[in-house]
Amino acid sequence: MKDIQKDAIAKVRIYLHNEGIILPKKPIKEFYSQIFKLSGFGISGILNFSGKKAGAIGAQIIRSMVEDESELKSLEIVLSYLKVFLEETNICKLESWKIKDEEINFSVSESIFSEAVGKSKKPVCIPLSGAIGGLLEELTGTKWECKEIKCRSQGEEMCEFQVKISK
């Protein structure tokens, strides 16, 4: 593992230890599941917007941990911080990503949102889509749109996200 990644992990863990709260996944999943059941997919815009705002806040936290702001010019380093942040908060495990031109594709396992909802005809990790887009926007200064294109709740092996630079 690169020194920058080790440093990122240490900083995120210290931050979460000092500023985070520990909640079991089960009540969070139940909360999300009930919101989803009661509102259906009509709430997706609110969930995406809220996720985007949360992602921007996460990016501000990450930015405060970075000693050399020029590190954030590297998309690989930004994605390393994103991976650590998502995994250390137990939101999901970021299994892989591929950067191609103005697009990033993510594969995610153990999404708390997918685990909460269970089976669905549509992708359900809407707050996570928003958070990824919001974090990338805040750290890179570029507008990004993130969309979940496959979801475990649809019977897929992993949740997959496609992030593109907004035109």
N, C-alpha and C. Protein backbone atom coordinates (compact mmCIF):
# COMPACT_ATOMS: atom_id res chain seq x y z
N MET A 1 0.85 -1.18 0.00
CA MET A 1 0.00 0.00 0.00
C MET A 1 0.89 1.24 0.00
N LYS A 2 0.52 2.21 -0.77
CA LYS A 2 1.31 3.43 -0.87
C LYS A 2 1.27 4.19 0.45
N ASP A 3 2.34 4.98 0.71
CA ASP A 3 2.40 5.78 1.93
C ASP A 3 1.24 6.76 2.03
N ILE A 4 0.83 7.33 0.90
CA ILE A 4 -0.28 8.28 0.91
C ILE A 4 -1.56 7.58 1.37
N GLN A 5 -1.79 6.36 0.91
CA GLN A 5 -2.98 5.62 1.34
C GLN A 5 -2.91 5.29 2.83
N LYS A 6 -1.75 4.89 3.31
CA LYS A 6 -1.60 4.60 4.73
C LYS A 6 -1.86 5.85 5.56
N ASP A 7 -1.35 6.98 5.09
CA ASP A 7 -1.56 8.25 5.77
C ASP A 7 -3.04 8.62 5.75
N ALA A 8 -3.70 8.40 4.63
CA ALA A 8 -5.13 8.70 4.50
C ALA A 8 -5.94 7.84 5.49
N ILE A 9 -5.62 6.56 5.55
CA ILE A 9 -6.33 5.66 6.47
C ILE A 9 -6.17 6.14 7.91
N ALA A 10 -4.94 6.45 8.29
CA ALA A 10 -4.68 6.90 9.66
C ALA A 10 -5.45 8.18 9.98
N LYS A 11 -5.43 9.13 9.06
CA LYS A 11 -6.12 10.41 9.29
C LYS A 11 -7.63 10.22 9.39
N VAL A 12 -8.19 9.40 8.50
CA VAL A 12 -9.64 9.17 8.54
C VAL A 12 -10.02 8.46 9.83
N ARG A 13 -9.24 7.47 10.23
CA ARG A 13 -9.55 6.75 11.47
C ARG A 13 -9.49 7.67 12.68
N ILE A 14 -8.49 8.52 12.74
CA ILE A 14 -8.39 9.47 13.86
C ILE A 14 -9.58 10.41 13.85
N TYR A 15 -9.92 10.93 12.67
CA TYR A 15 -11.06 11.83 12.58
C TYR A 15 -12.34 11.14 13.06
N LEU A 16 -12.60 9.94 12.55
CA LEU A 16 -13.82 9.23 12.93
C LEU A 16 -13.84 8.89 14.41
N HIS A 17 -12.68 8.57 14.95
CA HIS A 17 -12.62 8.28 16.38
C HIS A 17 -12.98 9.53 17.21
N ASN A 18 -12.50 10.68 16.78
CA ASN A 18 -12.74 11.92 17.53
C ASN A 18 -14.08 12.57 17.22
N GLU A 19 -14.55 12.47 15.99
CA GLU A 19 -15.74 13.20 15.57
C GLU A 19 -16.93 12.32 15.20
N GLY A 20 -16.70 11.04 15.01
CA GLY A 20 -17.78 10.16 14.57
C GLY A 20 -18.58 9.62 15.74
N ILE A 21 -19.66 8.95 15.40
CA ILE A 21 -20.43 8.22 16.40
C ILE A 21 -20.53 6.78 15.92
N ILE A 22 -20.61 5.90 16.83
CA ILE A 22 -20.71 4.49 16.47
C ILE A 22 -22.16 4.08 16.62
N LEU A 23 -22.72 3.64 15.52
CA LEU A 23 -24.09 3.13 15.50
C LEU A 23 -24.07 1.77 14.84
N PRO A 24 -24.82 0.84 15.39
CA PRO A 24 -24.92 -0.45 14.71
C PRO A 24 -25.60 -0.27 13.36
N LYS A 25 -25.23 -1.09 12.39
CA LYS A 25 -25.82 -1.01 11.06
C LYS A 25 -27.31 -1.31 11.06
N LYS A 26 -27.74 -2.21 11.91
CA LYS A 26 -29.13 -2.67 11.87
C LYS A 26 -30.15 -1.54 12.00
N PRO A 27 -30.02 -0.62 12.98
CA PRO A 27 -31.02 0.46 13.04
C PRO A 27 -30.94 1.42 11.84
N ILE A 28 -29.75 1.64 11.31
CA ILE A 28 -29.60 2.50 10.14
C ILE A 28 -30.29 1.85 8.94
N LYS A 29 -30.07 0.56 8.77
CA LYS A 29 -30.71 -0.16 7.66
C LYS A 29 -32.23 -0.14 7.81
N GLU A 30 -32.71 -0.34 9.01
CA GLU A 30 -34.16 -0.33 9.25
C GLU A 30 -34.74 1.05 8.93
N PHE A 31 -34.05 2.10 9.35
CA PHE A 31 -34.48 3.46 9.07
C PHE A 31 -34.59 3.70 7.57
N TYR A 32 -33.55 3.34 6.83
CA TYR A 32 -33.55 3.55 5.38
C TYR A 32 -34.61 2.68 4.71
N SER A 33 -34.74 1.45 5.16
CA SER A 33 -35.73 0.55 4.60
C SER A 33 -37.14 1.11 4.76
N GLN A 34 -37.45 1.63 5.93
CA GLN A 34 -38.78 2.18 6.18
C GLN A 34 -39.03 3.44 5.36
N ILE A 35 -38.04 4.30 5.25
CA ILE A 35 -38.19 5.50 4.42
C ILE A 35 -38.50 5.07 2.99
N PHE A 36 -37.78 4.07 2.51
CA PHE A 36 -37.96 3.60 1.14
C PHE A 36 -39.35 3.00 0.95
N LYS A 37 -39.78 2.19 1.88
CA LYS A 37 -41.10 1.55 1.78
C LYS A 37 -42.22 2.59 1.82
N LEU A 38 -42.09 3.56 2.70
CA LEU A 38 -43.15 4.54 2.88
C LEU A 38 -43.24 5.55 1.74
N SER A 39 -42.12 5.81 1.09
CA SER A 39 -42.14 6.87 0.08
C SER A 39 -41.95 6.38 -1.35
N GLY A 40 -41.53 5.15 -1.51
CA GLY A 40 -41.28 4.64 -2.86
C GLY A 40 -40.13 5.38 -3.52
N PHE A 41 -40.12 5.40 -4.83
CA PHE A 41 -39.03 6.03 -5.55
C PHE A 41 -39.25 7.52 -5.76
N GLY A 42 -40.38 8.05 -5.27
CA GLY A 42 -40.64 9.48 -5.40
C GLY A 42 -39.69 10.33 -4.58
N ILE A 43 -38.99 9.71 -3.67
CA ILE A 43 -38.07 10.44 -2.80
C ILE A 43 -36.64 10.45 -3.35
N SER A 44 -36.43 9.85 -4.49
CA SER A 44 -35.06 9.69 -5.00
C SER A 44 -34.33 11.02 -5.18
N GLY A 45 -35.03 12.06 -5.62
CA GLY A 45 -34.39 13.36 -5.79
C GLY A 45 -33.87 13.91 -4.47
N ILE A 46 -34.67 13.75 -3.43
CA ILE A 46 -34.27 14.23 -2.09
C ILE A 46 -33.09 13.41 -1.58
N LEU A 47 -33.13 12.10 -1.77
CA LEU A 47 -32.04 11.24 -1.30
C LEU A 47 -30.74 11.55 -2.04
N ASN A 48 -30.83 11.79 -3.35
CA ASN A 48 -29.65 12.12 -4.13
C ASN A 48 -29.09 13.47 -3.68
N PHE A 49 -29.96 14.46 -3.54
CA PHE A 49 -29.53 15.80 -3.12
C PHE A 49 -28.88 15.74 -1.74
N SER A 50 -29.51 15.02 -0.82
CA SER A 50 -28.96 14.88 0.54
C SER A 50 -27.61 14.16 0.51
N GLY A 51 -27.52 13.11 -0.30
CA GLY A 51 -26.26 12.40 -0.45
C GLY A 51 -25.17 13.30 -1.01
N LYS A 52 -25.54 14.14 -1.97
CA LYS A 52 -24.56 15.05 -2.59
C LYS A 52 -24.04 16.05 -1.54
N LYS A 53 -24.94 16.56 -0.72
CA LYS A 53 -24.53 17.48 0.35
C LYS A 53 -23.63 16.77 1.36
N ALA A 54 -23.99 15.54 1.72
CA ALA A 54 -23.16 14.76 2.65
C ALA A 54 -21.79 14.47 2.05
N GLY A 55 -21.76 14.16 0.76
CA GLY A 55 -20.48 13.93 0.08
C GLY A 55 -19.61 15.17 0.09
N ALA A 56 -20.21 16.33 -0.10
CA ALA A 56 -19.45 17.59 -0.07
C ALA A 56 -18.87 17.83 1.32
N ILE A 57 -19.65 17.52 2.35
CA ILE A 57 -19.14 17.66 3.72
C ILE A 57 -17.99 16.68 3.96
N GLY A 58 -18.16 15.44 3.48
CA GLY A 58 -17.07 14.46 3.59
C GLY A 58 -15.81 14.95 2.90
N ALA A 59 -15.98 15.59 1.75
CA ALA A 59 -14.83 16.13 1.01
C ALA A 59 -14.15 17.25 1.79
N GLN A 60 -14.93 18.07 2.46
CA GLN A 60 -14.35 19.15 3.28
C GLN A 60 -13.54 18.55 4.44
N ILE A 61 -14.05 17.48 4.99
CA ILE A 61 -13.33 16.79 6.07
C ILE A 61 -12.01 16.23 5.53
N ILE A 62 -12.08 15.57 4.37
CA ILE A 62 -10.87 15.03 3.75
C ILE A 62 -9.89 16.15 3.45
N ARG A 63 -10.37 17.24 2.87
CA ARG A 63 -9.50 18.36 2.54
C ARG A 63 -8.76 18.87 3.78
N SER A 64 -9.43 18.88 4.92
CA SER A 64 -8.80 19.35 6.15
C SER A 64 -7.68 18.43 6.62
N MET A 65 -7.69 17.19 6.17
CA MET A 65 -6.67 16.21 6.57
C MET A 65 -5.45 16.23 5.66
N VAL A 66 -5.62 16.77 4.46
CA VAL A 66 -4.56 16.74 3.47
C VAL A 66 -3.58 17.87 3.74
N GLU A 67 -2.32 17.52 3.93
CA GLU A 67 -1.29 18.52 4.22
C GLU A 67 -0.89 19.29 2.97
N ASP A 68 -0.82 18.60 1.84
CA ASP A 68 -0.41 19.23 0.59
C ASP A 68 -1.59 19.20 -0.37
N GLU A 69 -2.22 20.35 -0.56
CA GLU A 69 -3.42 20.48 -1.40
C GLU A 69 -3.18 19.97 -2.83
N SER A 70 -1.95 19.98 -3.29
CA SER A 70 -1.65 19.52 -4.65
C SER A 70 -1.91 18.02 -4.80
N GLU A 71 -1.93 17.28 -3.68
CA GLU A 71 -2.26 15.85 -3.73
C GLU A 71 -3.61 15.63 -4.39
N LEU A 72 -4.53 16.56 -4.15
CA LEU A 72 -5.90 16.40 -4.63
C LEU A 72 -6.04 16.64 -6.12
N LYS A 73 -4.96 16.99 -6.78
CA LYS A 73 -4.99 17.13 -8.23
C LYS A 73 -4.94 15.75 -8.90
N SER A 74 -4.52 14.75 -8.14
CA SER A 74 -4.48 13.38 -8.64
C SER A 74 -5.81 12.70 -8.33
N LEU A 75 -6.53 12.29 -9.37
CA LEU A 75 -7.80 11.60 -9.19
C LEU A 75 -7.61 10.29 -8.44
N GLU A 76 -6.49 9.62 -8.66
CA GLU A 76 -6.20 8.36 -7.94
C GLU A 76 -6.12 8.60 -6.43
N ILE A 77 -5.48 9.69 -6.02
CA ILE A 77 -5.37 9.99 -4.59
C ILE A 77 -6.74 10.36 -4.03
N VAL A 78 -7.51 11.15 -4.76
CA VAL A 78 -8.87 11.51 -4.33
C VAL A 78 -9.69 10.23 -4.14
N LEU A 79 -9.58 9.30 -5.08
CA LEU A 79 -10.34 8.05 -4.98
C LEU A 79 -9.85 7.18 -3.83
N SER A 80 -8.55 7.26 -3.52
CA SER A 80 -8.03 6.53 -2.35
C SER A 80 -8.67 7.06 -1.07
N TYR A 81 -8.78 8.38 -0.96
CA TYR A 81 -9.45 8.96 0.21
C TYR A 81 -10.92 8.56 0.25
N LEU A 82 -11.58 8.58 -0.91
CA LEU A 82 -12.99 8.18 -0.97
C LEU A 82 -13.14 6.74 -0.49
N LYS A 83 -12.29 5.86 -0.96
CA LYS A 83 -12.33 4.44 -0.57
C LYS A 83 -12.20 4.29 0.95
N VAL A 84 -11.20 4.95 1.51
CA VAL A 84 -10.97 4.86 2.95
C VAL A 84 -12.17 5.40 3.72
N PHE A 85 -12.69 6.53 3.29
CA PHE A 85 -13.80 7.16 3.99
C PHE A 85 -15.04 6.26 3.98
N LEU A 86 -15.38 5.73 2.81
CA LEU A 86 -16.56 4.86 2.71
C LEU A 86 -16.40 3.58 3.51
N GLU A 87 -15.20 3.00 3.47
CA GLU A 87 -14.98 1.74 4.17
C GLU A 87 -14.87 1.92 5.67
N GLU A 88 -14.19 2.97 6.11
CA GLU A 88 -14.04 3.18 7.55
C GLU A 88 -15.35 3.58 8.22
N THR A 89 -16.28 4.15 7.45
CA THR A 89 -17.58 4.50 8.00
C THR A 89 -18.59 3.35 7.82
N ASN A 90 -18.16 2.27 7.21
CA ASN A 90 -18.98 1.08 6.97
C ASN A 90 -20.19 1.37 6.08
N ILE A 91 -20.09 2.34 5.19
CA ILE A 91 -21.16 2.61 4.25
C ILE A 91 -21.15 1.55 3.15
N CYS A 92 -19.95 1.18 2.72
CA CYS A 92 -19.79 0.14 1.70
C CYS A 92 -18.30 -0.18 1.59
N LYS A 93 -18.01 -1.17 0.78
CA LYS A 93 -16.62 -1.48 0.44
C LYS A 93 -16.44 -1.15 -1.04
N LEU A 94 -15.51 -0.28 -1.32
CA LEU A 94 -15.22 0.11 -2.70
C LEU A 94 -14.23 -0.92 -3.24
N GLU A 95 -14.72 -1.84 -4.03
CA GLU A 95 -13.91 -2.96 -4.51
C GLU A 95 -12.94 -2.57 -5.62
N SER A 96 -13.41 -1.73 -6.54
CA SER A 96 -12.53 -1.32 -7.64
C SER A 96 -13.09 -0.08 -8.31
N TRP A 97 -12.19 0.57 -9.06
CA TRP A 97 -12.61 1.69 -9.90
C TRP A 97 -11.74 1.72 -11.14
N LYS A 98 -12.32 2.24 -12.20
CA LYS A 98 -11.60 2.40 -13.46
C LYS A 98 -11.85 3.82 -13.95
N ILE A 99 -10.77 4.49 -14.27
CA ILE A 99 -10.86 5.84 -14.80
C ILE A 99 -10.62 5.76 -16.30
N LYS A 100 -11.55 6.31 -17.07
CA LYS A 100 -11.40 6.34 -18.52
C LYS A 100 -11.91 7.69 -19.01
N ASP A 101 -11.00 8.49 -19.53
CA ASP A 101 -11.31 9.82 -20.02
C ASP A 101 -12.04 10.63 -18.95
N GLU A 102 -13.29 11.00 -19.21
CA GLU A 102 -14.06 11.81 -18.26
C GLU A 102 -15.11 10.97 -17.55
N GLU A 103 -14.76 9.70 -17.28
CA GLU A 103 -15.71 8.78 -16.66
C GLU A 103 -14.97 7.89 -15.66
N ILE A 104 -15.65 7.60 -14.55
CA ILE A 104 -15.12 6.67 -13.56
C ILE A 104 -16.20 5.63 -13.30
N ASN A 105 -15.81 4.37 -13.28
CA ASN A 105 -16.74 3.30 -12.95
C ASN A 105 -16.29 2.64 -11.66
N PHE A 106 -17.23 2.53 -10.72
CA PHE A 106 -16.97 1.95 -9.41
C PHE A 106 -17.72 0.64 -9.25
N SER A 107 -17.10 -0.31 -8.56
CA SER A 107 -17.79 -1.52 -8.11
C SER A 107 -17.76 -1.51 -6.59
N VAL A 108 -18.92 -1.73 -5.99
CA VAL A 108 -19.08 -1.60 -4.55
C VAL A 108 -19.76 -2.85 -4.01
N SER A 109 -19.28 -3.32 -2.88
CA SER A 109 -19.97 -4.41 -2.18
C SER A 109 -20.41 -3.92 -0.81
N GLU A 110 -21.27 -4.67 -0.19
CA GLU A 110 -21.73 -4.41 1.17
C GLU A 110 -22.30 -3.00 1.37
N SER A 111 -23.03 -2.50 0.37
CA SER A 111 -23.68 -1.20 0.52
C SER A 111 -24.75 -1.28 1.60
N ILE A 112 -24.67 -0.39 2.56
CA ILE A 112 -25.66 -0.38 3.64
C ILE A 112 -27.06 -0.12 3.09
N PHE A 113 -27.17 0.60 1.99
CA PHE A 113 -28.46 0.93 1.41
C PHE A 113 -29.09 -0.28 0.73
N SER A 114 -28.30 -1.01 -0.02
CA SER A 114 -28.79 -2.22 -0.67
C SER A 114 -29.16 -3.28 0.37
N GLU A 115 -28.34 -3.41 1.38
CA GLU A 115 -28.63 -4.36 2.46
C GLU A 115 -29.92 -4.00 3.17
N ALA A 116 -30.20 -2.70 3.29
CA ALA A 116 -31.39 -2.24 4.00
C ALA A 116 -32.67 -2.55 3.23
N VAL A 117 -32.64 -2.34 1.93
CA VAL A 117 -33.86 -2.45 1.13
C VAL A 117 -34.15 -3.88 0.72
N GLY A 118 -33.12 -4.66 0.46
CA GLY A 118 -33.35 -6.01 -0.03
C GLY A 118 -33.68 -5.99 -1.51
N LYS A 119 -34.63 -6.83 -1.94
CA LYS A 119 -34.94 -6.94 -3.37
C LYS A 119 -35.68 -5.71 -3.87
N SER A 120 -35.30 -5.32 -5.09
CA SER A 120 -35.91 -4.15 -5.73
C SER A 120 -35.76 -4.27 -7.23
N LYS A 121 -36.68 -3.66 -7.95
CA LYS A 121 -36.59 -3.64 -9.41
C LYS A 121 -35.61 -2.58 -9.89
N LYS A 122 -35.38 -1.57 -9.06
CA LYS A 122 -34.51 -0.46 -9.43
C LYS A 122 -33.34 -0.36 -8.46
N PRO A 123 -32.25 0.29 -8.86
CA PRO A 123 -31.15 0.53 -7.92
C PRO A 123 -31.63 1.35 -6.71
N VAL A 124 -31.07 1.06 -5.55
CA VAL A 124 -31.55 1.69 -4.32
C VAL A 124 -30.49 2.52 -3.58
N CYS A 125 -29.27 2.51 -4.05
CA CYS A 125 -28.18 3.19 -3.33
C CYS A 125 -28.09 4.66 -3.75
N ILE A 126 -29.22 5.32 -3.72
CA ILE A 126 -29.34 6.69 -4.21
C ILE A 126 -28.50 7.67 -3.38
N PRO A 127 -28.53 7.59 -2.04
CA PRO A 127 -27.68 8.51 -1.27
C PRO A 127 -26.20 8.32 -1.56
N LEU A 128 -25.80 7.08 -1.81
CA LEU A 128 -24.40 6.80 -2.12
C LEU A 128 -24.01 7.41 -3.47
N SER A 129 -24.90 7.32 -4.45
CA SER A 129 -24.65 7.97 -5.76
C SER A 129 -24.42 9.46 -5.56
N GLY A 130 -25.31 10.07 -4.80
CA GLY A 130 -25.17 11.50 -4.54
C GLY A 130 -23.88 11.83 -3.82
N ALA A 131 -23.55 11.02 -2.81
CA ALA A 131 -22.34 11.27 -2.01
C ALA A 131 -21.07 11.18 -2.86
N ILE A 132 -21.01 10.19 -3.72
CA ILE A 132 -19.83 10.05 -4.59
C ILE A 132 -19.70 11.29 -5.48
N GLY A 133 -20.80 11.69 -6.11
CA GLY A 133 -20.78 12.88 -6.96
C GLY A 133 -20.41 14.13 -6.19
N GLY A 134 -21.01 14.31 -5.01
CA GLY A 134 -20.73 15.50 -4.20
C GLY A 134 -19.29 15.56 -3.72
N LEU A 135 -18.76 14.43 -3.31
CA LEU A 135 -17.37 14.39 -2.85
C LEU A 135 -16.42 14.73 -3.99
N LEU A 136 -16.64 14.12 -5.14
CA LEU A 136 -15.77 14.39 -6.28
C LEU A 136 -15.86 15.86 -6.72
N GLU A 137 -17.06 16.41 -6.73
CA GLU A 137 -17.23 17.82 -7.10
C GLU A 137 -16.45 18.73 -6.16
N GLU A 138 -16.60 18.49 -4.88
CA GLU A 138 -15.96 19.35 -3.88
C GLU A 138 -14.44 19.25 -3.94
N LEU A 139 -13.92 18.06 -4.15
CA LEU A 139 -12.46 17.88 -4.14
C LEU A 139 -11.79 18.24 -5.46
N THR A 140 -12.51 18.08 -6.57
CA THR A 140 -11.88 18.34 -7.87
C THR A 140 -12.26 19.69 -8.47
N GLY A 141 -13.34 20.30 -7.96
CA GLY A 141 -13.80 21.56 -8.52
C GLY A 141 -14.48 21.39 -9.87
N THR A 142 -14.84 20.17 -10.21
CA THR A 142 -15.51 19.85 -11.47
C THR A 142 -16.87 19.25 -11.16
N LYS A 143 -17.87 19.56 -11.97
CA LYS A 143 -19.22 19.00 -11.79
C LYS A 143 -19.23 17.54 -12.26
N TRP A 144 -19.73 16.65 -11.39
CA TRP A 144 -19.83 15.23 -11.69
C TRP A 144 -21.27 14.77 -11.49
N GLU A 145 -21.69 13.84 -12.30
CA GLU A 145 -22.98 13.18 -12.13
C GLU A 145 -22.72 11.69 -11.90
N CYS A 146 -23.31 11.16 -10.86
CA CYS A 146 -23.11 9.75 -10.54
C CYS A 146 -24.45 9.03 -10.63
N LYS A 147 -24.42 7.86 -11.25
CA LYS A 147 -25.63 7.06 -11.39
C LYS A 147 -25.31 5.61 -11.08
N GLU A 148 -26.15 5.00 -10.29
CA GLU A 148 -26.00 3.57 -10.03
C GLU A 148 -26.60 2.82 -11.22
N ILE A 149 -25.79 2.01 -11.86
CA ILE A 149 -26.26 1.30 -13.05
C ILE A 149 -26.59 -0.17 -12.79
N LYS A 150 -26.07 -0.72 -11.70
CA LYS A 150 -26.39 -2.07 -11.25
C LYS A 150 -26.45 -2.06 -9.74
N CYS A 151 -27.32 -2.88 -9.19
CA CYS A 151 -27.48 -2.90 -7.73
C CYS A 151 -27.67 -4.33 -7.23
N ARG A 152 -27.09 -4.60 -6.10
CA ARG A 152 -27.28 -5.92 -5.48
C ARG A 152 -28.75 -6.18 -5.20
N SER A 153 -29.48 -5.12 -4.93
CA SER A 153 -30.92 -5.28 -4.67
C SER A 153 -31.67 -5.79 -5.89
N GLN A 154 -31.06 -5.66 -7.06
CA GLN A 154 -31.64 -6.19 -8.29
C GLN A 154 -31.12 -7.59 -8.60
N GLY A 155 -30.38 -8.16 -7.68
CA GLY A 155 -29.83 -9.50 -7.88
C GLY A 155 -28.44 -9.51 -8.48
N GLU A 156 -27.84 -8.34 -8.65
CA GLU A 156 -26.49 -8.25 -9.19
C GLU A 156 -25.46 -8.66 -8.13
N GLU A 157 -24.28 -9.05 -8.59
CA GLU A 157 -23.21 -9.45 -7.67
C GLU A 157 -22.72 -8.26 -6.85
N MET A 158 -22.61 -7.11 -7.48
CA MET A 158 -22.15 -5.89 -6.81
C MET A 158 -22.96 -4.71 -7.31
N CYS A 159 -22.91 -3.64 -6.55
CA CYS A 159 -23.47 -2.38 -7.01
C CYS A 159 -22.40 -1.71 -7.89
N GLU A 160 -22.85 -1.16 -8.99
CA GLU A 160 -21.91 -0.48 -9.88
C GLU A 160 -22.41 0.93 -10.16
N PHE A 161 -21.46 1.84 -10.16
CA PHE A 161 -21.75 3.26 -10.35
C PHE A 161 -20.96 3.79 -11.53
N GLN A 162 -21.59 4.67 -12.28
CA GLN A 162 -20.94 5.35 -13.39
C GLN A 162 -20.95 6.84 -13.06
N VAL A 163 -19.77 7.44 -13.05
CA VAL A 163 -19.63 8.85 -12.73
C VAL A 163 -19.05 9.54 -13.96
N LYS A 164 -19.75 10.58 -14.40
CA LYS A 164 -19.30 11.32 -15.58
C LYS A 164 -19.21 12.81 -15.25
N ILE A 165 -18.29 13.45 -15.92
CA ILE A 165 -18.21 14.91 -15.81
C ILE A 165 -19.45 15.48 -16.47
N SER A 166 -20.12 16.40 -15.77
CA SER A 166 -21.33 17.06 -16.31
C SER A 166 -20.95 17.97 -17.45
N LYS A 167 -21.76 17.97 -18.45
CA LYS A 167 -21.53 18.85 -19.61
C LYS A 167 -22.21 20.18 -19.37
